[in-house]
Amino acid sequence: MVAPVVRQVNMAAPGALNTDVTLTDQQTALTFQTLGASNRIVDITNAGDPAAGLIYLLKLVRNGREVRRWFSTQLLTTLNVHVGFPVDLVPGNVQWVGQQSLGALTAQNYAVTYFQDL
């Protein structure tokens, strides 16, 4: 059995609240991933939980359409189980898009655990 792979995706500080920011894969520095085969997202957590008063929205976009969304409060590192996982991924182009909806404009990063490497 292959061990799951954790990849970090980074969101730069947005220019304004409630505006889309495309996240970057830390390993490849790309803003998208092209899946040639099916995969699965096992879990997502905040790389570091946001400070009090900061709320983020994370969206999974495949082939230009939003597939799922999560709030940073659902992805806290202090939670043992994150609801809504696993998420199956079919082949195609995948992007992570984030928004900050509350607080001083600040960058946010996420740890995404895939069933197998991309």
Protein backbone atom coordinates (compact mmCIF):
# COMPACT_ATOMS: atom_id res chain seq x y z
CA MET A 1 0.00 0.00 0.00
CA VAL A 2 1.25 3.47 -0.87
CA ALA A 3 1.38 6.07 1.90
CA PRO A 4 -0.74 9.22 1.39
CA VAL A 5 1.11 12.32 0.18
CA VAL A 6 0.82 15.73 1.83
CA ARG A 7 1.25 18.83 -0.36
CA GLN A 8 1.07 22.42 0.85
CA VAL A 9 -0.88 25.02 -1.13
CA ASN A 10 -0.18 28.68 -0.38
CA MET A 11 -2.54 31.62 -0.59
CA ALA A 12 -0.91 35.05 -0.86
CA ALA A 13 -2.51 37.89 1.06
CA PRO A 14 -5.53 39.03 -0.99
CA GLY A 15 -5.87 42.59 -2.28
CA ALA A 16 -9.36 42.91 -0.77
CA LEU A 17 -11.85 40.89 1.23
CA ASN A 18 -14.09 38.42 -0.65
CA THR A 19 -11.93 38.35 -3.79
CA ASP A 20 -10.62 35.14 -5.35
CA VAL A 21 -6.93 34.33 -5.01
CA THR A 22 -5.48 31.33 -6.85
CA LEU A 23 -3.30 29.28 -4.55
CA THR A 24 0.15 27.95 -5.47
CA ASP A 25 1.45 24.43 -4.88
CA GLN A 26 4.57 24.85 -2.76
CA GLN A 27 6.41 21.92 -4.34
CA THR A 28 5.89 22.86 -8.00
CA ALA A 29 5.13 26.61 -7.73
CA LEU A 30 2.19 26.01 -10.12
CA THR A 31 -1.32 27.39 -9.71
CA PHE A 32 -2.92 24.29 -11.22
CA GLN A 33 -2.45 20.53 -11.38
CA THR A 34 -3.38 18.31 -14.30
CA LEU A 35 -4.58 14.91 -13.14
CA GLY A 36 -4.11 12.16 -15.70
CA ALA A 37 -5.66 9.54 -13.42
CA SER A 38 -8.23 9.48 -10.65
CA ASN A 39 -7.04 10.40 -7.16
CA ARG A 40 -8.58 11.18 -3.80
CA ILE A 41 -8.20 14.00 -1.26
CA VAL A 42 -7.96 12.24 2.08
CA ASP A 43 -7.91 15.39 4.23
CA ILE A 44 -7.18 19.12 4.31
CA THR A 45 -6.01 21.14 7.31
CA ASN A 46 -4.84 24.68 7.83
CA ALA A 47 -1.03 24.67 7.73
CA GLY A 48 -1.38 27.03 10.68
CA ASP A 49 -4.74 27.95 12.16
CA PRO A 50 -5.80 31.54 11.42
CA ALA A 51 -5.53 34.10 14.20
CA ALA A 52 -8.73 35.17 15.94
CA GLY A 53 -10.90 37.33 13.69
CA LEU A 54 -9.61 35.88 10.40
CA ILE A 55 -11.90 33.70 8.27
CA TYR A 56 -10.98 32.10 4.95
CA LEU A 57 -12.84 30.16 2.29
CA LEU A 58 -11.06 27.43 0.31
CA LYS A 59 -12.54 26.22 -2.99
CA LEU A 60 -11.62 23.22 -5.11
CA VAL A 61 -12.08 24.03 -8.81
CA ARG A 62 -11.91 21.37 -11.52
CA ASN A 63 -11.95 22.31 -15.21
CA GLY A 64 -13.15 25.82 -14.30
CA ARG A 65 -16.09 24.73 -12.12
CA GLU A 66 -16.24 24.82 -8.35
CA VAL A 67 -16.47 21.30 -6.93
CA ARG A 68 -16.30 21.83 -3.16
CA ARG A 69 -15.72 24.56 -0.60
CA TRP A 70 -14.57 24.69 2.99
CA PHE A 71 -14.24 27.42 5.62
CA SER A 72 -10.99 27.64 7.56
CA THR A 73 -12.95 26.94 10.76
CA GLN A 74 -13.77 23.47 9.36
CA LEU A 75 -10.08 22.73 8.75
CA LEU A 76 -8.62 23.51 12.17
CA THR A 77 -5.55 21.56 13.23
CA THR A 78 -7.20 20.94 16.61
CA LEU A 79 -10.01 18.86 15.08
CA ASN A 80 -9.45 15.10 14.96
CA VAL A 81 -11.89 14.54 12.09
CA HIS A 82 -12.68 16.89 9.22
CA VAL A 83 -16.17 16.39 7.80
CA GLY A 84 -16.65 15.71 4.09
CA PHE A 85 -13.58 13.60 3.36
CA PRO A 86 -12.45 11.76 1.36
CA VAL A 87 -13.15 13.66 -1.87
CA ASP A 88 -12.76 11.74 -5.13
CA LEU A 89 -10.94 13.51 -7.96
CA VAL A 90 -11.40 12.54 -11.61
CA PRO A 91 -8.85 13.39 -14.33
CA GLY A 92 -8.70 17.03 -15.41
CA ASN A 93 -7.27 20.39 -14.38
CA VAL A 94 -7.51 21.17 -10.67
CA GLN A 95 -7.02 24.54 -8.99
CA TRP A 96 -7.27 25.74 -5.42
CA VAL A 97 -8.93 29.14 -4.98
CA GLY A 98 -9.16 31.02 -1.70
CA GLN A 99 -10.92 34.05 -0.29
CA GLN A 100 -10.59 35.94 2.94
CA SER A 101 -13.96 37.04 4.27
CA LEU A 102 -13.07 38.67 7.59
CA GLY A 103 -10.12 40.39 9.25
CA ALA A 104 -6.89 42.11 8.27
CA LEU A 105 -5.64 40.88 4.89
CA THR A 106 -3.27 38.00 5.61
CA ALA A 107 -1.81 35.03 3.71
CA GLN A 108 -3.03 31.51 4.56
CA ASN A 109 -1.66 28.06 3.74
CA TYR A 110 -3.24 24.59 3.70
CA ALA A 111 -1.91 21.03 3.93
CA VAL A 112 -3.72 18.78 1.44
CA THR A 113 -3.38 15.02 1.85
CA TYR A 114 -3.80 13.07 -1.39
CA PHE A 115 -4.24 9.30 -1.59
CA GLN A 116 -1.40 9.16 -4.12
CA ASP A 117 1.08 11.69 -5.44
CA LEU A 118 0.06 13.96 -8.29
